[in-house]
Structures are given as structure tokens and as C-alpha cells.
Amino acid sequence: CARGGIIDENALLRALESGQCGGAGLDVYTEE
């Protein structure tokens, strides 16, 4: 909920799809 770009969004998506990340809450994005 801070600033988009702190988390690599493509890396997050890969982690979600592999199950390495169990869930994400996002309020900010690299592009808005």
C-alpha cells in the first residue's frame, strides 16, 4: 500500500502462479 514499483510485478505474478506466494494485497501499481 506504499508505492508501485517496490515489488517487481512480473516476479510477483510468477510467484503467485508457482505457489511460492500465497496471496497479495495491492493498492498501488507500477502503472496506474
Full PDB file with SEQRES, HELIX, SHEET, SSBOND, CRYST1, ORIGX, SCALE, CONECT and MASTER records, all heavy atoms in Angstrom:
SEQRES   1 A   32  CYS ALA ARG GLY GLY ILE ILE ASP GLU ASN ALA LEU LEU          
SEQRES   2 A   32  ARG ALA LEU GLU SER GLY GLN CYS GLY GLY ALA GLY LEU          
SEQRES   3 A   32  ASP VAL TYR THR GLU GLU                                      
HELIX    1 AA1 GLU A    9  SER A   18  1                                  10    
CRYST1    1.000    1.000    1.000  90.00  90.00  90.00 P 1           1          
ORIGX1      1.000000  0.000000  0.000000        0.00000                         
ORIGX2      0.000000  1.000000  0.000000        0.00000                         
ORIGX3      0.000000  0.000000  1.000000        0.00000                         
SCALE1      1.000000  0.000000  0.000000        0.00000                         
SCALE2      0.000000  1.000000  0.000000        0.00000                         
SCALE3      0.000000  0.000000  1.000000        0.00000                         
ATOM      1  N   CYS A   1       0.842  -1.195   0.000  1.00  0.00           N  
ATOM      2  CA  CYS A   1       0.000   0.000   0.000  1.00  0.00           C  
ATOM      3  C   CYS A   1       0.880   1.249   0.000  1.00  0.00           C  
ATOM      4  O   CYS A   1       0.419   2.331   0.377  1.00  0.00           O  
ATOM      5  CB  CYS A   1      -0.925   0.009   1.213  1.00  0.00           C  
ATOM      6  SG  CYS A   1      -2.154  -1.293   1.220  1.00  0.00           S  
ATOM      7  N   ALA A   2       2.140   1.090  -0.398  1.00  0.00           N  
ATOM      8  CA  ALA A   2       3.093   2.204  -0.349  1.00  0.00           C  
ATOM      9  C   ALA A   2       3.246   2.845  -1.720  1.00  0.00           C  
ATOM     10  O   ALA A   2       2.644   3.887  -2.010  1.00  0.00           O  
ATOM     11  CB  ALA A   2       4.437   1.713   0.187  1.00  0.00           C  
ATOM     12  N   ARG A   3       4.067   2.229  -2.581  1.00  0.00           N  
ATOM     13  CA  ARG A   3       4.305   2.760  -3.918  1.00  0.00           C  
ATOM     14  C   ARG A   3       4.466   1.616  -4.906  1.00  0.00           C  
ATOM     15  O   ARG A   3       5.109   0.611  -4.620  1.00  0.00           O  
ATOM     16  CB  ARG A   3       5.582   3.624  -3.942  1.00  0.00           C  
ATOM     17  CG  ARG A   3       5.435   4.977  -3.262  1.00  0.00           C  
ATOM     18  CD  ARG A   3       4.497   5.900  -4.032  1.00  0.00           C  
ATOM     19  NE  ARG A   3       4.364   7.208  -3.405  1.00  0.00           N  
ATOM     20  CZ  ARG A   3       3.444   7.539  -2.515  1.00  0.00           C  
ATOM     21  NH1 ARG A   3       2.578   6.605  -2.115  1.00  0.00           N  
ATOM     22  NH2 ARG A   3       3.384   8.756  -2.023  1.00  0.00           N  
ATOM     23  N   GLY A   4       3.863   1.772  -6.079  1.00  0.00           N  
ATOM     24  CA  GLY A   4       4.066   0.808  -7.140  1.00  0.00           C  
ATOM     25  C   GLY A   4       5.518   0.807  -7.573  1.00  0.00           C  
ATOM     26  O   GLY A   4       6.146   1.860  -7.649  1.00  0.00           O  
ATOM     27  N   GLY A   5       6.043  -0.378  -7.864  1.00  0.00           N  
ATOM     28  CA  GLY A   5       7.431  -0.475  -8.290  1.00  0.00           C  
ATOM     29  C   GLY A   5       8.346  -1.015  -7.213  1.00  0.00           C  
ATOM     30  O   GLY A   5       9.460  -1.457  -7.505  1.00  0.00           O  
ATOM     31  N   ILE A   6       7.916  -0.994  -5.956  1.00  0.00           N  
ATOM     32  CA  ILE A   6       8.726  -1.589  -4.888  1.00  0.00           C  
ATOM     33  C   ILE A   6       8.743  -3.109  -5.056  1.00  0.00           C  
ATOM     34  O   ILE A   6       9.753  -3.769  -4.805  1.00  0.00           O  
ATOM     35  CB  ILE A   6       8.180  -1.194  -3.504  1.00  0.00           C  
ATOM     36  CG1 ILE A   6       8.266   0.325  -3.318  1.00  0.00           C  
ATOM     37  CG2 ILE A   6       8.948  -1.900  -2.400  1.00  0.00           C  
ATOM     38  CD1 ILE A   6       7.614   0.826  -2.049  1.00  0.00           C  
ATOM     39  N   ILE A   7       7.632  -3.658  -5.503  1.00  0.00           N  
ATOM     40  CA  ILE A   7       7.542  -5.083  -5.821  1.00  0.00           C  
ATOM     41  C   ILE A   7       7.616  -5.238  -7.333  1.00  0.00           C  
ATOM     42  O   ILE A   7       6.888  -4.575  -8.074  1.00  0.00           O  
ATOM     43  CB  ILE A   7       6.228  -5.684  -5.297  1.00  0.00           C  
ATOM     44  CG1 ILE A   7       6.124  -5.524  -3.779  1.00  0.00           C  
ATOM     45  CG2 ILE A   7       6.123  -7.156  -5.685  1.00  0.00           C  
ATOM     46  CD1 ILE A   7       4.777  -5.945  -3.217  1.00  0.00           C  
ATOM     47  N   ASP A   8       8.483  -6.113  -7.801  1.00  0.00           N  
ATOM     48  CA  ASP A   8       8.545  -6.452  -9.221  1.00  0.00           C  
ATOM     49  C   ASP A   8       7.268  -7.224  -9.569  1.00  0.00           C  
ATOM     50  O   ASP A   8       7.092  -8.367  -9.140  1.00  0.00           O  
ATOM     51  CB  ASP A   8       9.796  -7.305  -9.482  1.00  0.00           C  
ATOM     52  CG  ASP A   8       9.974  -7.660 -10.960  1.00  0.00           C  
ATOM     53  OD1 ASP A   8       8.961  -7.742 -11.680  1.00  0.00           O  
ATOM     54  OD2 ASP A   8      11.124  -7.848 -11.375  1.00  0.00           O  
ATOM     55  N   GLU A   9       6.378  -6.601 -10.320  1.00  0.00           N  
ATOM     56  CA  GLU A   9       5.064  -7.190 -10.560  1.00  0.00           C  
ATOM     57  C   GLU A   9       5.148  -8.494 -11.343  1.00  0.00           C  
ATOM     58  O   GLU A   9       4.371  -9.422 -11.109  1.00  0.00           O  
ATOM     59  CB  GLU A   9       4.168  -6.180 -11.272  1.00  0.00           C  
ATOM     60  CG  GLU A   9       3.796  -4.990 -10.390  1.00  0.00           C  
ATOM     61  CD  GLU A   9       2.869  -4.005 -11.086  1.00  0.00           C  
ATOM     62  OE1 GLU A   9       2.674  -4.157 -12.318  1.00  0.00           O  
ATOM     63  OE2 GLU A   9       2.351  -3.102 -10.410  1.00  0.00           O  
ATOM     64  N   ASN A  10       6.067  -8.591 -12.288  1.00  0.00           N  
ATOM     65  CA  ASN A  10       6.212  -9.833 -13.040  1.00  0.00           C  
ATOM     66  C   ASN A  10       6.735 -10.957 -12.144  1.00  0.00           C  
ATOM     67  O   ASN A  10       6.305 -12.110 -12.264  1.00  0.00           O  
ATOM     68  CB  ASN A  10       7.143  -9.627 -14.233  1.00  0.00           C  
ATOM     69  CG  ASN A  10       6.530  -8.714 -15.291  1.00  0.00           C  
ATOM     70  OD1 ASN A  10       5.328  -8.772 -15.546  1.00  0.00           O  
ATOM     71  ND2 ASN A  10       7.340  -7.875 -15.892  1.00  0.00           N  
ATOM     72  N   ALA A  11       7.645 -10.608 -11.240  1.00  0.00           N  
ATOM     73  CA  ALA A  11       8.140 -11.606 -10.285  1.00  0.00           C  
ATOM     74  C   ALA A  11       7.020 -12.050  -9.348  1.00  0.00           C  
ATOM     75  O   ALA A  11       6.913 -13.239  -9.011  1.00  0.00           O  
ATOM     76  CB  ALA A  11       9.307 -11.030  -9.485  1.00  0.00           C  
ATOM     77  N   LEU A  12       6.192 -11.107  -8.927  1.00  0.00           N  
ATOM     78  CA  LEU A  12       5.062 -11.433  -8.060  1.00  0.00           C  
ATOM     79  C   LEU A  12       4.112 -12.387  -8.773  1.00  0.00           C  
ATOM     80  O   LEU A  12       3.637 -13.367  -8.180  1.00  0.00           O  
ATOM     81  CB  LEU A  12       4.325 -10.161  -7.647  1.00  0.00           C  
ATOM     82  CG  LEU A  12       3.021 -10.348  -6.864  1.00  0.00           C  
ATOM     83  CD1 LEU A  12       3.242 -11.161  -5.593  1.00  0.00           C  
ATOM     84  CD2 LEU A  12       2.396  -9.000  -6.530  1.00  0.00           C  
ATOM     85  N   LEU A  13       3.820 -12.107 -10.032  1.00  0.00           N  
ATOM     86  CA  LEU A  13       2.907 -12.973 -10.788  1.00  0.00           C  
ATOM     87  C   LEU A  13       3.481 -14.379 -10.899  1.00  0.00           C  
ATOM     88  O   LEU A  13       2.757 -15.372 -10.718  1.00  0.00           O  
ATOM     89  CB  LEU A  13       2.658 -12.384 -12.177  1.00  0.00           C  
ATOM     90  CG  LEU A  13       1.694 -13.156 -13.081  1.00  0.00           C  
ATOM     91  CD1 LEU A  13       0.328 -13.316 -12.418  1.00  0.00           C  
ATOM     92  CD2 LEU A  13       1.565 -12.475 -14.433  1.00  0.00           C  
ATOM     93  N   ARG A  14       4.777 -14.479 -11.173  1.00  0.00           N  
ATOM     94  CA  ARG A  14       5.397 -15.805 -11.256  1.00  0.00           C  
ATOM     95  C   ARG A  14       5.317 -16.534  -9.914  1.00  0.00           C  
ATOM     96  O   ARG A  14       5.064 -17.747  -9.868  1.00  0.00           O  
ATOM     97  CB  ARG A  14       6.862 -15.671 -11.704  1.00  0.00           C  
ATOM     98  CG  ARG A  14       7.027 -15.295 -13.172  1.00  0.00           C  
ATOM     99  CD  ARG A  14       8.479 -15.391 -13.614  1.00  0.00           C  
ATOM    100  NE  ARG A  14       9.284 -14.300 -13.071  1.00  0.00           N  
ATOM    101  CZ  ARG A  14       9.488 -13.144 -13.686  1.00  0.00           C  
ATOM    102  NH1 ARG A  14       8.917 -12.918 -14.869  1.00  0.00           N  
ATOM    103  NH2 ARG A  14      10.249 -12.213 -13.148  1.00  0.00           N  
ATOM    104  N   ALA A  15       5.530 -15.806  -8.824  1.00  0.00           N  
ATOM    105  CA  ALA A  15       5.473 -16.424  -7.504  1.00  0.00           C  
ATOM    106  C   ALA A  15       4.058 -16.876  -7.153  1.00  0.00           C  
ATOM    107  O   ALA A  15       3.865 -17.917  -6.514  1.00  0.00           O  
ATOM    108  CB  ALA A  15       5.998 -15.439  -6.454  1.00  0.00           C  
ATOM    109  N   LEU A  16       3.064 -16.102  -7.566  1.00  0.00           N  
ATOM    110  CA  LEU A  16       1.668 -16.488  -7.337  1.00  0.00           C  
ATOM    111  C   LEU A  16       1.316 -17.745  -8.116  1.00  0.00           C  
ATOM    112  O   LEU A  16       0.653 -18.653  -7.606  1.00  0.00           O  
ATOM    113  CB  LEU A  16       0.739 -15.336  -7.743  1.00  0.00           C  
ATOM    114  CG  LEU A  16       0.712 -14.114  -6.822  1.00  0.00           C  
ATOM    115  CD1 LEU A  16       0.068 -12.931  -7.526  1.00  0.00           C  
ATOM    116  CD2 LEU A  16      -0.027 -14.422  -5.525  1.00  0.00           C  
ATOM    117  N   GLU A  17       1.765 -17.797  -9.349  1.00  0.00           N  
ATOM    118  CA  GLU A  17       1.421 -18.939 -10.200  1.00  0.00           C  
ATOM    119  C   GLU A  17       2.118 -20.218  -9.749  1.00  0.00           C  
ATOM    120  O   GLU A  17       1.584 -21.317  -9.905  1.00  0.00           O  
ATOM    121  CB  GLU A  17       1.764 -18.616 -11.656  1.00  0.00           C  
ATOM    122  CG  GLU A  17       0.853 -17.544 -12.246  1.00  0.00           C  
ATOM    123  CD  GLU A  17       1.222 -17.156 -13.670  1.00  0.00           C  
ATOM    124  OE1 GLU A  17       2.389 -17.413 -14.058  1.00  0.00           O  
ATOM    125  OE2 GLU A  17       0.364 -16.593 -14.376  1.00  0.00           O  
ATOM    126  N   SER A  18       3.313 -20.078  -9.169  1.00  0.00           N  
ATOM    127  CA  SER A  18       4.049 -21.259  -8.700  1.00  0.00           C  
ATOM    128  C   SER A  18       3.612 -21.692  -7.307  1.00  0.00           C  
ATOM    129  O   SER A  18       3.938 -22.797  -6.874  1.00  0.00           O  
ATOM    130  CB  SER A  18       5.550 -20.966  -8.694  1.00  0.00           C  
ATOM    131  OG  SER A  18       5.879 -20.043  -7.655  1.00  0.00           O  
ATOM    132  N   GLY A  19       2.901 -20.812  -6.600  1.00  0.00           N  
ATOM    133  CA  GLY A  19       2.507 -21.098  -5.229  1.00  0.00           C  
ATOM    134  C   GLY A  19       3.524 -20.639  -4.204  1.00  0.00           C  
ATOM    135  O   GLY A  19       3.302 -20.775  -3.002  1.00  0.00           O  
ATOM    136  N   GLN A  20       4.665 -20.102  -4.654  1.00  0.00           N  
ATOM    137  CA  GLN A  20       5.651 -19.581  -3.717  1.00  0.00           C  
ATOM    138  C   GLN A  20       5.077 -18.414  -2.919  1.00  0.00           C  
ATOM    139  O   GLN A  20       5.370 -18.236  -1.749  1.00  0.00           O  
ATOM    140  CB  GLN A  20       6.916 -19.137  -4.463  1.00  0.00           C  
ATOM    141  CG  GLN A  20       8.053 -18.660  -3.576  1.00  0.00           C  
ATOM    142  CD  GLN A  20       8.600 -19.750  -2.656  1.00  0.00           C  
ATOM    143  OE1 GLN A  20       8.372 -20.941  -2.879  1.00  0.00           O  
ATOM    144  NE2 GLN A  20       9.297 -19.342  -1.608  1.00  0.00           N  
ATOM    145  N   CYS A  21       4.232 -17.600  -3.571  1.00  0.00           N  
ATOM    146  CA  CYS A  21       3.478 -16.548  -2.896  1.00  0.00           C  
ATOM    147  C   CYS A  21       2.037 -17.003  -2.768  1.00  0.00           C  
ATOM    148  O   CYS A  21       1.398 -17.362  -3.769  1.00  0.00           O  
ATOM    149  CB  CYS A  21       3.561 -15.230  -3.675  1.00  0.00           C  
ATOM    150  SG  CYS A  21       2.649 -13.870  -2.913  1.00  0.00           S  
ATOM    151  N   GLY A  22       1.516 -16.994  -1.540  1.00  0.00           N  
ATOM    152  CA  GLY A  22       0.171 -17.494  -1.303  1.00  0.00           C  
ATOM    153  C   GLY A  22      -0.937 -16.485  -1.524  1.00  0.00           C  
ATOM    154  O   GLY A  22      -2.115 -16.843  -1.532  1.00  0.00           O  
ATOM    155  N   GLY A  23      -0.581 -15.223  -1.695  1.00  0.00           N  
ATOM    156  CA  GLY A  23      -1.599 -14.192  -1.913  1.00  0.00           C  
ATOM    157  C   GLY A  23      -0.985 -12.816  -1.807  1.00  0.00           C  
ATOM    158  O   GLY A  23       0.066 -12.632  -1.187  1.00  0.00           O  
ATOM    159  N   ALA A  24      -1.634 -11.842  -2.429  1.00  0.00           N  
ATOM    160  CA  ALA A  24      -1.122 -10.471  -2.417  1.00  0.00           C  
ATOM    161  C   ALA A  24      -2.274  -9.491  -2.292  1.00  0.00           C  
ATOM    162  O   ALA A  24      -3.353  -9.704  -2.853  1.00  0.00           O  
ATOM    163  CB  ALA A  24      -0.327 -10.183  -3.692  1.00  0.00           C  
ATOM    164  N   GLY A  25      -2.024  -8.426  -1.542  1.00  0.00           N  
ATOM    165  CA  GLY A  25      -2.951  -7.309  -1.451  1.00  0.00           C  
ATOM    166  C   GLY A  25      -2.278  -6.084  -2.027  1.00  0.00           C  
ATOM    167  O   GLY A  25      -1.238  -5.648  -1.527  1.00  0.00           O  
ATOM    168  N   LEU A  26      -2.835  -5.528  -3.077  1.00  0.00           N  
ATOM    169  CA  LEU A  26      -2.191  -4.430  -3.797  1.00  0.00           C  
ATOM    170  C   LEU A  26      -3.115  -3.225  -3.896  1.00  0.00           C  
ATOM    171  O   LEU A  26      -4.270  -3.355  -4.305  1.00  0.00           O  
ATOM    172  CB  LEU A  26      -1.798  -4.873  -5.219  1.00  0.00           C  
ATOM    173  CG  LEU A  26      -0.892  -6.104  -5.333  1.00  0.00           C  
ATOM    174  CD1 LEU A  26      -0.705  -6.481  -6.791  1.00  0.00           C  
ATOM    175  CD2 LEU A  26       0.445  -5.847  -4.649  1.00  0.00           C  
ATOM    176  N   ASP A  27      -2.582  -2.070  -3.515  1.00  0.00           N  
ATOM    177  CA  ASP A  27      -3.306  -0.808  -3.667  1.00  0.00           C  
ATOM    178  C   ASP A  27      -2.585   0.123  -4.632  1.00  0.00           C  
ATOM    179  O   ASP A  27      -3.152   1.121  -5.065  1.00  0.00           O  
ATOM    180  CB  ASP A  27      -3.472  -0.124  -2.304  1.00  0.00           C  
ATOM    181  CG  ASP A  27      -4.350   1.113  -2.369  1.00  0.00           C  
ATOM    182  OD1 ASP A  27      -5.455   1.020  -2.956  1.00  0.00           O  
ATOM    183  OD2 ASP A  27      -3.946   2.159  -1.846  1.00  0.00           O  
ATOM    184  N   VAL A  28      -1.341  -0.203  -4.959  1.00  0.00           N  
ATOM    185  CA  VAL A  28      -0.513   0.644  -5.822  1.00  0.00           C  
ATOM    186  C   VAL A  28       0.161  -0.220  -6.874  1.00  0.00           C  
ATOM    187  O   VAL A  28       0.405  -1.414  -6.655  1.00  0.00           O  
ATOM    188  CB  VAL A  28       0.534   1.412  -4.997  1.00  0.00           C  
ATOM    189  CG1 VAL A  28      -0.119   2.465  -4.125  1.00  0.00           C  
ATOM    190  CG2 VAL A  28       1.362   0.457  -4.135  1.00  0.00           C  
ATOM    191  N   TYR A  29       0.505   0.411  -8.011  1.00  0.00           N  
ATOM    192  CA  TYR A  29       0.979  -0.345  -9.154  1.00  0.00           C  
ATOM    193  C   TYR A  29       2.075   0.421  -9.891  1.00  0.00           C  
ATOM    194  O   TYR A  29       2.175   1.643  -9.787  1.00  0.00           O  
ATOM    195  CB  TYR A  29      -0.193  -0.637 -10.105  1.00  0.00           C  
ATOM    196  CG  TYR A  29      -1.390  -1.189  -9.365  1.00  0.00           C  
ATOM    197  CD1 TYR A  29      -2.350  -0.323  -8.824  1.00  0.00           C  
ATOM    198  CD2 TYR A  29      -1.522  -2.549  -9.140  1.00  0.00           C  
ATOM    199  CE1 TYR A  29      -3.423  -0.811  -8.093  1.00  0.00           C  
ATOM    200  CE2 TYR A  29      -2.596  -3.050  -8.412  1.00  0.00           C  
ATOM    201  CZ  TYR A  29      -3.542  -2.180  -7.892  1.00  0.00           C  
ATOM    202  OH  TYR A  29      -4.593  -2.671  -7.166  1.00  0.00           O  
ATOM    203  N   THR A  30       2.880  -0.333 -10.657  1.00  0.00           N  
ATOM    204  CA  THR A  30       3.940   0.295 -11.437  1.00  0.00           C  
ATOM    205  C   THR A  30       3.353   1.293 -12.417  1.00  0.00           C  
ATOM    206  O   THR A  30       3.889   2.393 -12.622  1.00  0.00           O  
ATOM    207  CB  THR A  30       4.750  -0.771 -12.184  1.00  0.00           C  
ATOM    208  OG1 THR A  30       5.283  -1.710 -11.237  1.00  0.00           O  
ATOM    209  CG2 THR A  30       5.889  -0.134 -12.962  1.00  0.00           C  
ATOM    210  N   GLU A  31       2.251   0.922 -13.040  1.00  0.00           N  
ATOM    211  CA  GLU A  31       1.499   1.833 -13.913  1.00  0.00           C  
ATOM    212  C   GLU A  31       0.101   1.989 -13.345  1.00  0.00           C  
ATOM    213  O   GLU A  31      -0.525   1.005 -12.957  1.00  0.00           O  
ATOM    214  CB  GLU A  31       1.410   1.270 -15.337  1.00  0.00           C  
ATOM    215  CG  GLU A  31       2.745   1.118 -16.032  1.00  0.00           C  
ATOM    216  CD  GLU A  31       2.593   0.453 -17.403  1.00  0.00           C  
ATOM    217  OE1 GLU A  31       2.277  -0.743 -17.442  1.00  0.00           O  
ATOM    218  OE2 GLU A  31       2.783   1.161 -18.415  1.00  0.00           O  
ATOM    219  N   GLU A  32      -0.378   3.192 -13.287  1.00  0.00           N  
ATOM    220  CA  GLU A  32      -1.720   3.451 -12.763  1.00  0.00           C  
ATOM    221  C   GLU A  32      -2.524   4.289 -13.749  1.00  0.00           C  
ATOM    222  O   GLU A  32      -2.107   5.395 -14.085  1.00  0.00           O  
ATOM    223  CB  GLU A  32      -1.623   4.147 -11.404  1.00  0.00           C  
ATOM    224  CG  GLU A  32      -0.943   3.273 -10.348  1.00  0.00           C  
ATOM    225  CD  GLU A  32      -0.936   3.882  -8.957  1.00  0.00           C  
ATOM    226  OE1 GLU A  32      -1.362   5.043  -8.805  1.00  0.00           O  
ATOM    227  OE2 GLU A  32      -0.530   3.191  -8.006  1.00  0.00           O  
TER     228      GLU A  32                                                      
MASTER        0    0    0    1    0    0    0    6  227    1    0    3          
END                                                                             
